[in-house]
Amino acid sequence: MADGALSPGVNLEAFSQAIAAIQALRSSVTRVFDCLKDGMRNKETLEGREKGFVAAFQESLHSVSRDLGELERLSNLVGKPSENHPLHNSGLLSLDPVQDKTPLYSQLLQAYKWSNKLQYHAGLASGLLNQQSLKRSANQMGVSAKRRPKAQPTTLVLPPQYVDDVINRIDRMFPEMSIQLSRPNGTSAMLLVTLGKVLKVIVVMRSLFIDRTIVKGYNENVYTEDGKLDIWSKSNYQVFQKVTDHATTALLHYQLPQMPDVVVRSFMTWLRSYIKLFQAPCQRCGKFLQDGLPPTWRDFRTLEAFHDTCRQ
């Protein structure tokens, strides 16, 4: 116990005994495997071989159990070494004699390690995002101001009139699609898109950014009892529930914060491809129905129809 003063928090005598206990435990485990490897040998009768094997195996297991118990006893006597890390004066917290009751230093050390790891991963993520930047290249900086295209609003809050103009232009682009715009909760827009006599889509927008879409059948009710658009209830039909899931995936695919009007137009173009939801066959298997459902997936680039399992 006198050697414990050389290293605060560590009983060196118990530490050396624990090392010897580990060596004894390894020897005991080796004898167990040797016993299993040798099997029933050096006995004339089968009964004698079985008894000798069982006795030797039990003795080996008792040795392992005894050595393991001794190692656990010594591990409780060893204690914990004081952790020295460059945390300035916070290292003095490790000298608290009641550290088991108030493990402040160990928690602080974990937070420090986690913060370093977070900073490292944030640096890697920043490098990857900078590679995908849409900034102008150096050779475009010399273009005269007269020839530059008119800059689109890129702020998160766009003027309501600008949003109305974008929606009206998109409405005129697709004759078979009608768009009704309303603002029941202030400046945020809500769209009711009717695609032929196939389906209806409720689009919840924050300025010109789409937050949520709900797809329902043409004959389904899209309003609540108080006359507002129902943005929470899902469709009663599985086919339109599938299309709702695919529309949510499309929102994650069409992302271009610098030009939100392009995102909305691209999403509406993709949505328009469902005009033949029940008429277009799958481009992979050529069938109209699979598990009772038509092809509900539309490719983001080609707008071709696929069953949910055929698109993989």
Protein backbone atom coordinates (compact mmCIF):
# COMPACT_ATOMS: atom_id res chain seq x y z
CA MET A 1 0.00 0.00 0.00
CA ALA A 2 2.99 2.29 0.48
CA ASP A 3 3.73 2.23 -3.24
CA GLY A 4 0.27 3.71 -3.87
CA ALA A 5 1.65 7.13 -2.95
CA LEU A 6 3.83 7.09 -6.07
CA SER A 7 0.78 7.16 -8.32
CA PRO A 8 -2.32 8.95 -6.98
CA GLY A 9 -5.45 6.84 -7.20
CA VAL A 10 -3.62 3.56 -8.05
CA ASN A 11 -2.67 0.70 -5.68
CA LEU A 12 0.54 -0.57 -7.28
CA GLU A 13 0.78 -3.65 -5.08
CA ALA A 14 -2.73 -4.74 -6.03
CA PHE A 15 -1.91 -3.85 -9.63
CA SER A 16 1.06 -6.26 -9.72
CA GLN A 17 -1.05 -8.96 -8.08
CA ALA A 18 -3.75 -8.40 -10.70
CA ILE A 19 -1.21 -8.94 -13.48
CA ALA A 20 -0.22 -12.24 -11.90
CA ALA A 21 -3.92 -13.15 -11.59
CA ILE A 22 -4.41 -12.45 -15.30
CA GLN A 23 -1.51 -14.79 -16.13
CA ALA A 24 -2.99 -17.49 -13.90
CA LEU A 25 -6.40 -17.03 -15.55
CA ARG A 26 -4.91 -17.39 -19.00
CA SER A 27 -3.16 -20.59 -17.92
CA SER A 28 -6.42 -21.96 -16.52
CA VAL A 29 -8.28 -21.18 -19.75
CA THR A 30 -5.49 -22.82 -21.76
CA ARG A 31 -5.85 -25.98 -19.66
CA VAL A 32 -9.58 -26.03 -20.40
CA PHE A 33 -8.96 -25.93 -24.14
CA ASP A 34 -6.19 -28.54 -23.83
CA CYS A 35 -8.62 -30.79 -21.99
CA LEU A 36 -11.18 -30.36 -24.78
CA LYS A 37 -8.54 -30.94 -27.42
CA ASP A 38 -7.17 -34.15 -25.86
CA GLY A 39 -10.63 -35.58 -25.23
CA MET A 40 -11.01 -39.08 -23.75
CA ARG A 41 -7.61 -40.74 -23.95
CA ASN A 42 -5.37 -43.19 -22.11
CA LYS A 43 -8.23 -45.28 -20.69
CA GLU A 44 -8.96 -48.90 -21.57
CA THR A 45 -12.76 -48.79 -21.21
CA LEU A 46 -15.24 -46.28 -22.51
CA GLU A 47 -16.67 -45.70 -19.04
CA GLY A 48 -13.22 -45.00 -17.64
CA ARG A 49 -12.45 -42.55 -20.43
CA GLU A 50 -15.69 -40.67 -19.82
CA LYS A 51 -15.15 -40.41 -16.06
CA GLY A 52 -11.57 -39.25 -16.49
CA PHE A 53 -12.57 -36.62 -19.06
CA VAL A 54 -15.42 -35.25 -16.92
CA ALA A 55 -13.22 -35.08 -13.82
CA ALA A 56 -10.41 -33.27 -15.65
CA PHE A 57 -12.84 -30.86 -17.34
CA GLN A 58 -14.57 -29.99 -14.04
CA GLU A 59 -11.22 -29.37 -12.37
CA SER A 60 -10.19 -27.03 -15.21
CA LEU A 61 -13.47 -25.08 -14.97
CA HIS A 62 -13.08 -24.74 -11.19
CA SER A 63 -9.59 -23.31 -11.76
CA VAL A 64 -10.95 -20.77 -14.24
CA SER A 65 -13.73 -19.75 -11.86
CA ARG A 66 -11.28 -19.42 -8.94
CA ASP A 67 -8.79 -17.33 -10.91
CA LEU A 68 -11.54 -15.12 -12.32
CA GLY A 69 -12.92 -14.42 -8.86
CA GLU A 70 -9.45 -13.52 -7.61
CA LEU A 71 -8.95 -11.15 -10.56
CA GLU A 72 -12.29 -9.40 -9.88
CA ARG A 73 -11.33 -8.97 -6.23
CA LEU A 74 -7.98 -7.41 -7.12
CA SER A 75 -9.51 -5.16 -9.80
CA ASN A 76 -11.58 -3.46 -7.10
CA LEU A 77 -8.41 -2.77 -5.10
CA VAL A 78 -6.39 -1.35 -7.99
CA GLY A 79 -8.31 1.95 -8.21
CA LYS A 80 -8.41 4.40 -11.08
CA PRO A 81 -5.43 6.46 -12.30
CA SER A 82 -5.82 10.19 -12.43
CA GLU A 83 -6.32 11.33 -16.02
CA ASN A 84 -3.96 14.12 -17.00
CA HIS A 85 -5.22 16.09 -20.01
CA PRO A 86 -4.55 19.69 -21.05
CA LEU A 87 -7.82 21.04 -19.68
CA HIS A 88 -6.14 23.83 -17.71
CA ASN A 89 -7.39 24.18 -14.13
CA SER A 90 -10.21 21.68 -14.66
CA GLY A 91 -7.63 18.93 -14.06
CA LEU A 92 -7.81 19.77 -10.36
CA LEU A 93 -11.30 18.26 -10.34
CA SER A 94 -9.75 14.79 -10.68
CA LEU A 95 -8.24 15.19 -7.21
CA ASP A 96 -11.67 15.24 -5.58
CA PRO A 97 -11.74 12.34 -3.07
CA VAL A 98 -15.48 11.77 -3.66
CA GLN A 99 -15.19 11.40 -7.44
CA ASP A 100 -17.51 8.37 -7.42
CA LYS A 101 -20.31 10.57 -6.07
CA THR A 102 -19.56 13.62 -8.21
CA PRO A 103 -17.81 12.40 -11.43
CA LEU A 104 -17.58 15.93 -12.80
CA TYR A 105 -14.08 15.60 -14.25
CA SER A 106 -14.79 12.38 -16.16
CA GLN A 107 -17.95 13.90 -17.63
CA LEU A 108 -16.04 17.03 -18.62
CA LEU A 109 -13.39 14.90 -20.28
CA GLN A 110 -16.02 13.01 -22.30
CA ALA A 111 -17.53 16.32 -23.43
CA TYR A 112 -14.09 17.57 -24.46
CA LYS A 113 -13.42 14.46 -26.56
CA TRP A 114 -16.88 14.65 -28.12
CA SER A 115 -16.37 18.33 -28.98
CA ASN A 116 -13.06 17.57 -30.72
CA LYS A 117 -14.64 14.76 -32.73
CA LEU A 118 -17.58 17.00 -33.69
CA GLN A 119 -15.21 19.73 -34.85
CA TYR A 120 -13.29 17.22 -36.98
CA HIS A 121 -16.41 15.88 -38.69
CA ALA A 122 -17.77 19.40 -39.19
CA GLY A 123 -14.56 20.29 -41.01
CA LEU A 124 -14.93 17.29 -43.32
CA ALA A 125 -18.57 18.15 -44.03
CA SER A 126 -17.66 21.77 -44.79
CA GLY A 127 -15.07 20.64 -47.33
CA LEU A 128 -17.57 18.38 -49.09
CA LEU A 129 -20.24 21.08 -49.20
CA ASN A 130 -17.81 23.62 -50.61
CA GLN A 131 -17.09 21.23 -53.49
CA GLN A 132 -20.79 21.35 -54.42
CA SER A 133 -20.99 25.14 -54.25
CA LEU A 134 -22.91 26.92 -57.00
CA LYS A 135 -20.83 30.11 -56.88
CA ARG A 136 -19.84 31.84 -60.08
CA SER A 137 -16.55 30.76 -61.61
CA ALA A 138 -13.68 33.19 -62.06
CA ASN A 139 -14.14 33.49 -65.84
CA GLN A 140 -17.71 34.75 -65.38
CA MET A 141 -16.74 37.69 -63.19
CA GLY A 142 -15.75 39.75 -66.23
CA VAL A 143 -19.21 39.67 -67.81
CA SER A 144 -20.70 43.13 -68.02
CA ALA A 145 -23.58 44.02 -65.75
CA LYS A 146 -25.88 44.59 -68.76
CA ARG A 147 -25.50 40.98 -69.93
CA ARG A 148 -25.96 39.42 -66.52
CA PRO A 149 -29.35 37.77 -65.92
CA LYS A 150 -31.65 39.34 -63.43
CA ALA A 151 -30.89 37.97 -59.99
CA GLN A 152 -33.62 35.86 -58.43
CA PRO A 153 -34.62 36.52 -54.82
CA THR A 154 -32.71 34.03 -52.67
CA THR A 155 -33.91 34.98 -49.22
CA LEU A 156 -36.07 32.66 -47.21
CA VAL A 157 -38.92 35.18 -47.05
CA LEU A 158 -40.05 36.22 -50.52
CA PRO A 159 -42.70 38.83 -51.36
CA PRO A 160 -46.19 37.28 -51.67
CA GLN A 161 -46.63 38.93 -55.06
CA TYR A 162 -43.53 37.20 -56.37
CA VAL A 163 -44.83 33.84 -55.15
CA ASP A 164 -48.19 34.50 -56.81
CA ASP A 165 -46.51 35.30 -60.12
CA VAL A 166 -44.47 32.10 -60.05
CA ILE A 167 -47.55 29.96 -59.27
CA ASN A 168 -49.59 31.67 -62.01
CA ARG A 169 -46.88 31.03 -64.59
CA ILE A 170 -46.73 27.37 -63.61
CA ASP A 171 -50.53 27.14 -63.76
CA ARG A 172 -50.47 28.44 -67.34
CA MET A 173 -47.75 25.97 -68.33
CA PHE A 174 -49.89 22.85 -67.74
CA PRO A 175 -53.45 23.05 -69.11
CA GLU A 176 -54.47 19.71 -67.57
CA MET A 177 -53.38 20.89 -64.10
CA SER A 178 -55.26 23.51 -62.11
CA ILE A 179 -53.71 25.25 -59.10
CA GLN A 180 -55.68 27.10 -56.43
CA LEU A 181 -53.59 29.26 -54.10
CA SER A 182 -54.74 30.33 -50.64
CA ARG A 183 -53.17 31.85 -47.56
CA PRO A 184 -55.22 30.82 -44.53
CA ASN A 185 -52.41 31.45 -42.03
CA GLY A 186 -50.77 34.68 -43.10
CA THR A 187 -48.14 34.84 -45.82
CA SER A 188 -47.50 31.08 -46.10
CA ALA A 189 -49.15 29.69 -49.22
CA MET A 190 -51.16 26.52 -49.60
CA LEU A 191 -51.86 25.03 -53.02
CA LEU A 192 -54.61 22.67 -54.09
CA VAL A 193 -53.38 21.04 -57.29
CA THR A 194 -55.96 19.11 -59.30
CA LEU A 195 -54.44 16.85 -61.96
CA GLY A 196 -57.12 16.02 -64.51
CA LYS A 197 -59.61 13.63 -62.95
CA VAL A 198 -56.86 11.46 -61.44
CA LEU A 199 -55.78 12.99 -58.15
CA LYS A 200 -55.56 16.07 -55.97
CA VAL A 201 -52.45 17.29 -54.18
CA ILE A 202 -52.25 19.61 -51.17
CA VAL A 203 -48.94 21.48 -51.20
CA VAL A 204 -47.88 23.39 -48.08
CA MET A 205 -45.35 26.11 -48.85
CA ARG A 206 -43.18 28.35 -46.72
CA SER A 207 -42.68 31.33 -48.98
CA LEU A 208 -41.57 29.56 -52.19
CA PHE A 209 -40.17 26.46 -50.48
CA ILE A 210 -42.34 23.33 -50.38
CA ASP A 211 -42.62 21.83 -46.90
CA ARG A 212 -45.22 19.10 -47.27
CA THR A 213 -47.40 17.34 -49.84
CA ILE A 214 -50.49 15.17 -49.42
CA VAL A 215 -51.83 13.23 -52.43
CA LYS A 216 -55.44 12.07 -52.45
CA GLY A 217 -57.86 10.65 -54.97
CA TYR A 218 -59.90 12.91 -57.21
CA ASN A 219 -63.16 12.05 -55.43
CA GLU A 220 -61.76 12.24 -51.89
CA ASN A 221 -62.55 15.12 -49.57
CA VAL A 222 -59.58 17.47 -49.07
CA TYR A 223 -61.27 19.89 -46.68
CA THR A 224 -61.88 19.81 -42.94
CA GLU A 225 -65.23 20.49 -41.31
CA ASP A 226 -64.46 24.21 -41.02
CA GLY A 227 -63.72 24.49 -44.75
CA LYS A 228 -59.91 24.59 -44.59
CA LEU A 229 -57.53 22.33 -46.48
CA ASP A 230 -56.83 19.14 -44.55
CA ILE A 231 -53.03 18.92 -44.44
CA TRP A 232 -52.84 16.05 -41.94
CA SER A 233 -55.19 13.25 -43.04
CA LYS A 234 -53.71 10.80 -45.50
CA SER A 235 -55.55 9.20 -48.38
CA ASN A 236 -57.86 6.24 -47.83
CA TYR A 237 -56.32 4.43 -50.83
CA GLN A 238 -52.97 2.68 -50.78
CA VAL A 239 -52.06 3.82 -54.29
CA PHE A 240 -52.25 7.51 -53.30
CA GLN A 241 -50.41 6.84 -50.05
CA LYS A 242 -47.57 5.43 -52.20
CA VAL A 243 -47.65 8.51 -54.44
CA THR A 244 -47.50 10.72 -51.32
CA ASP A 245 -44.33 8.91 -50.20
CA HIS A 246 -42.79 9.33 -53.66
CA ALA A 247 -43.72 13.03 -53.69
CA THR A 248 -41.91 13.49 -50.37
CA THR A 249 -38.87 11.83 -51.91
CA ALA A 250 -39.14 14.18 -54.89
CA LEU A 251 -39.02 17.19 -52.56
CA LEU A 252 -35.68 15.95 -51.25
CA HIS A 253 -34.40 15.40 -54.80
CA TYR A 254 -35.36 18.77 -56.27
CA GLN A 255 -33.29 21.07 -54.07
CA LEU A 256 -31.80 24.32 -55.34
CA PRO A 257 -32.04 27.04 -52.66
CA GLN A 258 -30.56 29.65 -54.99
CA MET A 259 -33.50 29.29 -57.43
CA PRO A 260 -36.63 28.18 -55.56
CA ASP A 261 -38.90 28.92 -58.52
CA VAL A 262 -37.00 26.34 -60.57
CA VAL A 263 -37.53 23.81 -57.79
CA VAL A 264 -41.29 24.40 -57.74
CA ARG A 265 -41.52 24.21 -61.55
CA SER A 266 -39.47 20.99 -61.63
CA PHE A 267 -41.63 19.43 -58.92
CA MET A 268 -44.83 20.37 -60.75
CA THR A 269 -43.44 18.91 -63.98
CA TRP A 270 -42.69 15.67 -62.17
CA LEU A 271 -46.15 15.71 -60.58
CA ARG A 272 -47.79 16.22 -63.98
CA SER A 273 -46.38 12.85 -65.12
CA TYR A 274 -49.05 11.17 -62.95
CA ILE A 275 -51.75 12.22 -65.42
CA LYS A 276 -51.56 8.62 -66.73
CA LEU A 277 -51.24 6.96 -63.34
CA PHE A 278 -53.72 4.22 -64.25
CA GLN A 279 -52.89 4.03 -67.97
CA ALA A 280 -49.09 3.79 -68.23
CA PRO A 281 -47.45 0.33 -67.92
CA CYS A 282 -44.26 -0.29 -65.98
CA GLN A 283 -41.17 0.34 -68.09
CA ARG A 284 -39.34 -2.57 -66.45
CA CYS A 285 -41.85 -5.46 -66.37
CA GLY A 286 -44.40 -4.11 -68.86
CA LYS A 287 -47.32 -4.88 -66.54
CA PHE A 288 -50.07 -2.49 -65.52
CA LEU A 289 -50.64 -3.98 -62.05
CA GLN A 290 -48.32 -5.54 -59.50
CA ASP A 291 -49.71 -6.59 -56.12
CA GLY A 292 -52.90 -4.81 -57.11
CA LEU A 293 -51.16 -1.43 -57.63
CA PRO A 294 -50.28 0.47 -60.81
CA PRO A 295 -46.76 1.87 -61.38
CA THR A 296 -46.60 4.58 -58.71
CA TRP A 297 -42.96 5.63 -59.15
CA ARG A 298 -41.89 8.25 -61.69
CA ASP A 299 -38.24 8.64 -62.58
CA PHE A 300 -36.94 12.09 -61.62
CA ARG A 301 -35.06 12.53 -64.90
CA THR A 302 -37.05 10.68 -67.57
CA LEU A 303 -40.48 10.72 -65.82
CA GLU A 304 -40.98 7.09 -66.85
CA ALA A 305 -43.36 4.88 -64.84
CA PHE A 306 -42.13 2.03 -62.67
CA HIS A 307 -43.55 -0.21 -59.99
CA ASP A 308 -42.09 0.44 -56.58
CA THR A 309 -40.19 -2.88 -56.67
CA CYS A 310 -39.17 -2.61 -60.35
CA ARG A 311 -37.31 0.68 -59.95
CA GLN A 312 -34.51 -0.90 -57.90
